[in-house]
Structures are given as structure tokens and as C-alpha cells.
Amino acid sequence: MKAVYKNPKELGTKIKDLVDTYHEGLISYEKLEETIIIMIEKNEDRIYKNGFMPSSLISIIGEDRKAIIDEIASKIK
């Protein structure tokens, strides 16, 4: 897995694919959580700026996926 994403579209697509894979039952919640936490740590400013997710990223991943990412992010704060 690529760790750092400089392009917001690439980052959004990766997050979207991860959450969709979880919804399809292909990975466990624990694996999703572990991967998202790593992504947040490596791409801190790109996923959350001043505690908020940028609207450009939200438009790529959608509100439903954002809620899942926010839930996971709240566990590491």
C-alpha cells in the first residue's frame, strides 16, 4: 500500500475503495480501521486540516464514507 498521497483525488479514491471493500465484506472492520489510521497518520494535513476534512475530499468519498472515517479518526484522538 502506498503510504503518502500528494494528489487529493488519488487519496480520495483510495479511501473510497477501502470503505467499499469493507461494505462488500471483503475486509474486516479491524483491517479497515488499521489501514485508515495509518493513512491518517501519514497524510495528516490532507485528510484533516485543523480538525476538519476538506470539502474536496468529501466530494470524492461522499458523506457516508466520511462518517466512517470520522468514527475511526475519533478513536485515535
PDB file of N, CA and C in Angstrom:
ATOM      1  N   MET A   1       0.842  -1.183   0.000  1.00  0.00           N
ATOM      2  CA  MET A   1       0.000   0.000   0.000  1.00  0.00           C
ATOM      3  C   MET A   1       0.882   1.240   0.000  1.00  0.00           C
ATOM      4  N   LYS A   2       0.528   2.161  -0.847  1.00  0.00           N
ATOM      5  CA  LYS A   2       1.211   3.443  -0.891  1.00  0.00           C
ATOM      6  C   LYS A   2       0.863   4.203   0.386  1.00  0.00           C
ATOM      7  N   ALA A   3       1.852   4.837   1.017  1.00  0.00           N
ATOM      8  CA  ALA A   3       1.618   5.474   2.317  1.00  0.00           C
ATOM      9  C   ALA A   3       1.225   6.942   2.201  1.00  0.00           C
ATOM     10  N   VAL A   4       1.911   7.700   1.363  1.00  0.00           N
ATOM     11  CA  VAL A   4       1.659   9.135   1.284  1.00  0.00           C
ATOM     12  C   VAL A   4       1.066   9.471  -0.079  1.00  0.00           C
ATOM     13  N   TYR A   5      -0.030  10.219  -0.052  1.00  0.00           N
ATOM     14  CA  TYR A   5      -0.701  10.638  -1.278  1.00  0.00           C
ATOM     15  C   TYR A   5      -0.627  12.151  -1.381  1.00  0.00           C
ATOM     16  N   LYS A   6      -0.009  12.652  -2.440  1.00  0.00           N
ATOM     17  CA  LYS A   6       0.087  14.098  -2.642  1.00  0.00           C
ATOM     18  C   LYS A   6      -1.122  14.618  -3.418  1.00  0.00           C
ATOM     19  N   ASN A   7      -1.710  13.779  -4.219  1.00  0.00           N
ATOM     20  CA  ASN A   7      -2.854  14.144  -5.038  1.00  0.00           C
ATOM     21  C   ASN A   7      -4.145  13.829  -4.273  1.00  0.00           C
ATOM     22  N   PRO A   8      -4.984  14.839  -3.987  1.00  0.00           N
ATOM     23  CA  PRO A   8      -6.213  14.593  -3.220  1.00  0.00           C
ATOM     24  C   PRO A   8      -7.176  13.615  -3.904  1.00  0.00           C
ATOM     25  N   LYS A   9      -7.186  13.623  -5.230  1.00  0.00           N
ATOM     26  CA  LYS A   9      -8.073  12.702  -5.943  1.00  0.00           C
ATOM     27  C   LYS A   9      -7.640  11.253  -5.730  1.00  0.00           C
ATOM     28  N   GLU A  10      -6.333  11.007  -5.779  1.00  0.00           N
ATOM     29  CA  GLU A  10      -5.798   9.673  -5.525  1.00  0.00           C
ATOM     30  C   GLU A  10      -6.117   9.221  -4.108  1.00  0.00           C
ATOM     31  N   LEU A  11      -5.919  10.119  -3.148  1.00  0.00           N
ATOM     32  CA  LEU A  11      -6.199   9.828  -1.747  1.00  0.00           C
ATOM     33  C   LEU A  11      -7.679   9.510  -1.562  1.00  0.00           C
ATOM     34  N   GLY A  12      -8.543  10.335  -2.134  1.00  0.00           N
ATOM     35  CA  GLY A  12      -9.984  10.113  -2.033  1.00  0.00           C
ATOM     36  C   GLY A  12     -10.407   8.795  -2.649  1.00  0.00           C
ATOM     37  N   THR A  13      -9.841   8.468  -3.793  1.00  0.00           N
ATOM     38  CA  THR A  13     -10.169   7.216  -4.470  1.00  0.00           C
ATOM     39  C   THR A  13      -9.738   6.020  -3.630  1.00  0.00           C
ATOM     40  N   LYS A  14      -8.572   6.097  -3.002  1.00  0.00           N
ATOM     41  CA  LYS A  14      -8.082   5.003  -2.153  1.00  0.00           C
ATOM     42  C   LYS A  14      -8.998   4.817  -0.946  1.00  0.00           C
ATOM     43  N   ILE A  15      -9.385   5.916  -0.295  1.00  0.00           N
ATOM     44  CA  ILE A  15     -10.284   5.833   0.860  1.00  0.00           C
ATOM     45  C   ILE A  15     -11.630   5.260   0.431  1.00  0.00           C
ATOM     46  N   LYS A  16     -12.144   5.740  -0.676  1.00  0.00           N
ATOM     47  CA  LYS A  16     -13.430   5.264  -1.207  1.00  0.00           C
ATOM     48  C   LYS A  16     -13.374   3.762  -1.475  1.00  0.00           C
ATOM     49  N   ASP A  17     -12.312   3.306  -2.129  1.00  0.00           N
ATOM     50  CA  ASP A  17     -12.157   1.881  -2.433  1.00  0.00           C
ATOM     51  C   ASP A  17     -12.057   1.036  -1.158  1.00  0.00           C
ATOM     52  N   LEU A  18     -11.337   1.546  -0.163  1.00  0.00           N
ATOM     53  CA  LEU A  18     -11.197   0.821   1.100  1.00  0.00           C
ATOM     54  C   LEU A  18     -12.541   0.632   1.792  1.00  0.00           C
ATOM     55  N   VAL A  19     -13.295   1.715   1.898  1.00  0.00           N
ATOM     56  CA  VAL A  19     -14.596   1.644   2.578  1.00  0.00           C
ATOM     57  C   VAL A  19     -15.553   0.754   1.791  1.00  0.00           C
ATOM     58  N   ASP A  20     -15.529   0.850   0.466  1.00  0.00           N
ATOM     59  CA  ASP A  20     -16.388  -0.001  -0.358  1.00  0.00           C
ATOM     60  C   ASP A  20     -16.018  -1.476  -0.208  1.00  0.00           C
ATOM     61  N   THR A  21     -14.730  -1.759  -0.109  1.00  0.00           N
ATOM     62  CA  THR A  21     -14.274  -3.128   0.097  1.00  0.00           C
ATOM     63  C   THR A  21     -14.788  -3.660   1.427  1.00  0.00           C
ATOM     64  N   TYR A  22     -14.781  -2.814   2.439  1.00  0.00           N
ATOM     65  CA  TYR A  22     -15.330  -3.198   3.745  1.00  0.00           C
ATOM     66  C   TYR A  22     -16.830  -3.471   3.641  1.00  0.00           C
ATOM     67  N   HIS A  23     -17.556  -2.591   2.952  1.00  0.00           N
ATOM     68  CA  HIS A  23     -19.007  -2.769   2.803  1.00  0.00           C
ATOM     69  C   HIS A  23     -19.356  -4.053   2.050  1.00  0.00           C
ATOM     70  N   GLU A  24     -18.484  -4.456   1.149  1.00  0.00           N
ATOM     71  CA  GLU A  24     -18.708  -5.692   0.389  1.00  0.00           C
ATOM     72  C   GLU A  24     -18.332  -6.939   1.192  1.00  0.00           C
ATOM     73  N   GLY A  25     -17.773  -6.732   2.377  1.00  0.00           N
ATOM     74  CA  GLY A  25     -17.418  -7.855   3.234  1.00  0.00           C
ATOM     75  C   GLY A  25     -16.097  -8.516   2.886  1.00  0.00           C
ATOM     76  N   LEU A  26     -15.271  -7.838   2.113  1.00  0.00           N
ATOM     77  CA  LEU A  26     -14.006  -8.432   1.687  1.00  0.00           C
ATOM     78  C   LEU A  26     -12.871  -8.200   2.680  1.00  0.00           C
ATOM     79  N   ILE A  27     -13.022  -7.177   3.556  1.00  0.00           N
ATOM     80  CA  ILE A  27     -12.061  -6.968   4.635  1.00  0.00           C
ATOM     81  C   ILE A  27     -12.831  -6.731   5.932  1.00  0.00           C
ATOM     82  N   SER A  28     -12.194  -7.016   7.040  1.00  0.00           N
ATOM     83  CA  SER A  28     -12.845  -6.825   8.342  1.00  0.00           C
ATOM     84  C   SER A  28     -12.786  -5.355   8.750  1.00  0.00           C
ATOM     85  N   TYR A  29     -13.616  -4.999   9.727  1.00  0.00           N
ATOM     86  CA  TYR A  29     -13.607  -3.631  10.246  1.00  0.00           C
ATOM     87  C   TYR A  29     -12.247  -3.318  10.865  1.00  0.00           C
ATOM     88  N   GLU A  30     -11.660  -4.294  11.530  1.00  0.00           N
ATOM     89  CA  GLU A  30     -10.363  -4.091  12.163  1.00  0.00           C
ATOM     90  C   GLU A  30      -9.288  -3.752  11.129  1.00  0.00           C
ATOM     91  N   LYS A  31      -9.306  -4.454  10.002  1.00  0.00           N
ATOM     92  CA  LYS A  31      -8.339  -4.190   8.934  1.00  0.00           C
ATOM     93  C   LYS A  31      -8.588  -2.814   8.325  1.00  0.00           C
ATOM     94  N   LEU A  32      -9.851  -2.460   8.122  1.00  0.00           N
ATOM     95  CA  LEU A  32     -10.196  -1.135   7.608  1.00  0.00           C
ATOM     96  C   LEU A  32      -9.685  -0.068   8.568  1.00  0.00           C
ATOM     97  N   GLU A  33      -9.974  -0.255   9.846  1.00  0.00           N
ATOM     98  CA  GLU A  33      -9.566   0.702  10.879  1.00  0.00           C
ATOM     99  C   GLU A  33      -8.043   0.867  10.896  1.00  0.00           C
ATOM    100  N   GLU A  34      -7.340  -0.245  10.867  1.00  0.00           N
ATOM    101  CA  GLU A  34      -5.876  -0.217  10.879  1.00  0.00           C
ATOM    102  C   GLU A  34      -5.328   0.551   9.684  1.00  0.00           C
ATOM    103  N   THR A  35      -5.866   0.295   8.506  1.00  0.00           N
ATOM    104  CA  THR A  35      -5.405   0.945   7.279  1.00  0.00           C
ATOM    105  C   THR A  35      -5.723   2.435   7.296  1.00  0.00           C
ATOM    106  N   ILE A  36      -6.922   2.799   7.711  1.00  0.00           N
ATOM    107  CA  ILE A  36      -7.320   4.209   7.748  1.00  0.00           C
ATOM    108  C   ILE A  36      -6.460   4.972   8.754  1.00  0.00           C
ATOM    109  N   ILE A  37      -6.182   4.383   9.902  1.00  0.00           N
ATOM    110  CA  ILE A  37      -5.345   5.044  10.908  1.00  0.00           C
ATOM    111  C   ILE A  37      -3.953   5.321  10.339  1.00  0.00           C
ATOM    112  N   ILE A  38      -3.386   4.357   9.638  1.00  0.00           N
ATOM    113  CA  ILE A  38      -2.079   4.550   9.004  1.00  0.00           C
ATOM    114  C   ILE A  38      -2.155   5.692   7.992  1.00  0.00           C
ATOM    115  N   MET A  39      -3.209   5.706   7.187  1.00  0.00           N
ATOM    116  CA  MET A  39      -3.368   6.754   6.176  1.00  0.00           C
ATOM    117  C   MET A  39      -3.509   8.133   6.828  1.00  0.00           C
ATOM    118  N   ILE A  40      -4.266   8.215   7.913  1.00  0.00           N
ATOM    119  CA  ILE A  40      -4.434   9.494   8.607  1.00  0.00           C
ATOM    120  C   ILE A  40      -3.097   9.971   9.164  1.00  0.00           C
ATOM    121  N   GLU A  41      -2.335   9.061   9.738  1.00  0.00           N
ATOM    122  CA  GLU A  41      -1.036   9.435  10.302  1.00  0.00           C
ATOM    123  C   GLU A  41      -0.058   9.900   9.224  1.00  0.00           C
ATOM    124  N   LYS A  42      -0.063   9.239   8.088  1.00  0.00           N
ATOM    125  CA  LYS A  42       0.884   9.581   7.015  1.00  0.00           C
ATOM    126  C   LYS A  42       0.435  10.794   6.192  1.00  0.00           C
ATOM    127  N   ASN A  43      -0.872  11.016   6.088  1.00  0.00           N
ATOM    128  CA  ASN A  43      -1.418  12.092   5.253  1.00  0.00           C
ATOM    129  C   ASN A  43      -2.203  13.088   6.099  1.00  0.00           C
ATOM    130  N   GLU A  44      -1.708  13.370   7.276  1.00  0.00           N
ATOM    131  CA  GLU A  44      -2.419  14.152   8.273  1.00  0.00           C
ATOM    132  C   GLU A  44      -3.101  15.412   7.722  1.00  0.00           C
ATOM    133  N   ASP A  45      -2.339  16.279   7.068  1.00  0.00           N
ATOM    134  CA  ASP A  45      -2.888  17.546   6.580  1.00  0.00           C
ATOM    135  C   ASP A  45      -3.848  17.371   5.415  1.00  0.00           C
ATOM    136  N   ARG A  46      -3.739  16.288   4.700  1.00  0.00           N
ATOM    137  CA  ARG A  46      -4.586  16.090   3.528  1.00  0.00           C
ATOM    138  C   ARG A  46      -5.950  15.500   3.885  1.00  0.00           C
ATOM    139  N   ILE A  47      -6.036  14.781   5.009  1.00  0.00           N
ATOM    140  CA  ILE A  47      -7.305  14.183   5.407  1.00  0.00           C
ATOM    141  C   ILE A  47      -8.043  15.089   6.382  1.00  0.00           C
ATOM    142  N   TYR A  48      -7.326  15.653   7.328  1.00  0.00           N
ATOM    143  CA  TYR A  48      -7.936  16.583   8.289  1.00  0.00           C
ATOM    144  C   TYR A  48      -7.077  17.828   8.406  1.00  0.00           C
ATOM    145  N   LYS A  49      -7.640  18.973   8.038  1.00  0.00           N
ATOM    146  CA  LYS A  49      -6.965  20.260   8.212  1.00  0.00           C
ATOM    147  C   LYS A  49      -7.671  20.981   9.342  1.00  0.00           C
ATOM    148  N   ASN A  50      -6.929  21.268  10.391  1.00  0.00           N
ATOM    149  CA  ASN A  50      -7.489  21.948  11.572  1.00  0.00           C
ATOM    150  C   ASN A  50      -8.700  21.208  12.132  1.00  0.00           C
ATOM    151  N   GLY A  51      -8.664  19.895  12.072  1.00  0.00           N
ATOM    152  CA  GLY A  51      -9.734  19.082  12.636  1.00  0.00           C
ATOM    153  C   GLY A  51     -10.918  18.837  11.707  1.00  0.00           C
ATOM    154  N   PHE A  52     -10.874  19.379  10.497  1.00  0.00           N
ATOM    155  CA  PHE A  52     -11.974  19.217   9.550  1.00  0.00           C
ATOM    156  C   PHE A  52     -11.477  18.601   8.254  1.00  0.00           C
ATOM    157  N   MET A  53     -12.312  17.762   7.667  1.00  0.00           N
ATOM    158  CA  MET A  53     -11.975  17.149   6.392  1.00  0.00           C
ATOM    159  C   MET A  53     -12.250  18.168   5.279  1.00  0.00           C
ATOM    160  N   PRO A  54     -11.301  18.358   4.348  1.00  0.00           N
ATOM    161  CA  PRO A  54     -11.508  19.312   3.255  1.00  0.00           C
ATOM    162  C   PRO A  54     -12.715  18.916   2.386  1.00  0.00           C
ATOM    163  N   SER A  55     -13.449  19.914   1.934  1.00  0.00           N
ATOM    164  CA  SER A  55     -14.651  19.652   1.131  1.00  0.00           C
ATOM    165  C   SER A  55     -14.310  18.943  -0.173  1.00  0.00           C
ATOM    166  N   SER A  56     -13.114  19.187  -0.710  1.00  0.00           N
ATOM    167  CA  SER A  56     -12.722  18.495  -1.948  1.00  0.00           C
ATOM    168  C   SER A  56     -12.621  16.990  -1.726  1.00  0.00           C
ATOM    169  N   LEU A  57     -12.145  16.584  -0.554  1.00  0.00           N
ATOM    170  CA  LEU A  57     -12.053  15.162  -0.230  1.00  0.00           C
ATOM    171  C   LEU A  57     -13.444  14.581   0.029  1.00  0.00           C
ATOM    172  N   ILE A  58     -14.277  15.337   0.718  1.00  0.00           N
ATOM    173  CA  ILE A  58     -15.652  14.878   0.991  1.00  0.00           C
ATOM    174  C   ILE A  58     -16.402  14.659  -0.311  1.00  0.00           C
ATOM    175  N   SER A  59     -16.198  15.552  -1.285  1.00  0.00           N
ATOM    176  CA  SER A  59     -16.907  15.404  -2.561  1.00  0.00           C
ATOM    177  C   SER A  59     -16.475  14.139  -3.300  1.00  0.00           C
ATOM    178  N   ILE A  60     -15.257  13.685  -3.075  1.00  0.00           N
ATOM    179  CA  ILE A  60     -14.776  12.460  -3.716  1.00  0.00           C
ATOM    180  C   ILE A  60     -15.310  11.223  -3.000  1.00  0.00           C
ATOM    181  N   ILE A  61     -15.248  11.215  -1.660  1.00  0.00           N
ATOM    182  CA  ILE A  61     -15.615   9.999  -0.927  1.00  0.00           C
ATOM    183  C   ILE A  61     -17.090   9.924  -0.563  1.00  0.00           C
ATOM    184  N   GLY A  62     -17.768  11.049  -0.439  1.00  0.00           N
ATOM    185  CA  GLY A  62     -19.188  11.053  -0.091  1.00  0.00           C
ATOM    186  C   GLY A  62     -19.399  11.107   1.419  1.00  0.00           C
ATOM    187  N   GLU A  63     -20.582  11.543   1.820  1.00  0.00           N
ATOM    188  CA  GLU A  63     -20.910  11.741   3.235  1.00  0.00           C
ATOM    189  C   GLU A  63     -20.923  10.429   4.032  1.00  0.00           C
ATOM    190  N   ASP A  64     -21.421   9.346   3.442  1.00  0.00           N
ATOM    191  CA  ASP A  64     -21.493   8.065   4.162  1.00  0.00           C
ATOM    192  C   ASP A  64     -20.099   7.562   4.530  1.00  0.00           C
ATOM    193  N   ARG A  65     -19.187   7.626   3.570  1.00  0.00           N
ATOM    194  CA  ARG A  65     -17.825   7.174   3.834  1.00  0.00           C
ATOM    195  C   ARG A  65     -17.119   8.115   4.801  1.00  0.00           C
ATOM    196  N   LYS A  66     -17.425   9.409   4.702  1.00  0.00           N
ATOM    197  CA  LYS A  66     -16.842  10.393   5.621  1.00  0.00           C
ATOM    198  C   LYS A  66     -17.207  10.059   7.063  1.00  0.00           C
ATOM    199  N   ALA A  67     -18.447   9.661   7.289  1.00  0.00           N
ATOM    200  CA  ALA A  67     -18.902   9.316   8.641  1.00  0.00           C
ATOM    201  C   ALA A  67     -18.088   8.151   9.206  1.00  0.00           C
ATOM    202  N   ILE A  68     -17.783   7.172   8.370  1.00  0.00           N
ATOM    203  CA  ILE A  68     -16.982   6.022   8.811  1.00  0.00           C
ATOM    204  C   ILE A  68     -15.558   6.465   9.142  1.00  0.00           C
ATOM    205  N   ILE A  69     -14.972   7.309   8.297  1.00  0.00           N
ATOM    206  CA  ILE A  69     -13.606   7.801   8.508  1.00  0.00           C
ATOM    207  C   ILE A  69     -13.571   8.647   9.793  1.00  0.00           C
ATOM    208  N   ASP A  70     -14.580   9.493   9.996  1.00  0.00           N
ATOM    209  CA  ASP A  70     -14.643  10.318  11.208  1.00  0.00           C
ATOM    210  C   ASP A  70     -14.724   9.443  12.457  1.00  0.00           C
ATOM    211  N   GLU A  71     -15.494   8.368  12.382  1.00  0.00           N
ATOM    212  CA  GLU A  71     -15.629   7.454  13.517  1.00  0.00           C
ATOM    213  C   GLU A  71     -14.287   6.811  13.868  1.00  0.00           C
ATOM    214  N   ILE A  72     -13.556   6.381  12.851  1.00  0.00           N
ATOM    215  CA  ILE A  72     -12.246   5.772  13.069  1.00  0.00           C
ATOM    216  C   ILE A  72     -11.267   6.821  13.588  1.00  0.00           C
ATOM    217  N   ALA A  73     -11.299   8.014  13.021  1.00  0.00           N
ATOM    218  CA  ALA A  73     -10.379   9.082  13.434  1.00  0.00           C
ATOM    219  C   ALA A  73     -10.610   9.498  14.877  1.00  0.00           C
ATOM    220  N   SER A  74     -11.841   9.445  15.332  1.00  0.00           N
ATOM    221  CA  SER A  74     -12.139   9.843  16.711  1.00  0.00           C
ATOM    222  C   SER A  74     -11.502   8.889  17.720  1.00  0.00           C
ATOM    223  N   LYS A  75     -11.208   7.678  17.299  1.00  0.00           N
ATOM    224  CA  LYS A  75     -10.599   6.698  18.198  1.00  0.00           C
ATOM    225  C   LYS A  75      -9.109   6.968  18.429  1.00  0.00           C
ATOM    226  N   ILE A  76      -8.472   7.687  17.513  1.00  0.00           N
ATOM    227  CA  ILE A  76      -7.036   7.931  17.670  1.00  0.00           C
ATOM    228  C   ILE A  76      -6.730   9.293  18.290  1.00  0.00           C
ATOM    229  N   LYS A  77      -7.738  10.074  18.540  1.00  0.00           N
ATOM    230  CA  LYS A  77      -7.506  11.411  19.122  1.00  0.00           C
ATOM    231  C   LYS A  77      -7.507  11.377  20.614  1.00  0.00           C
TER     232      LYS A  77
END
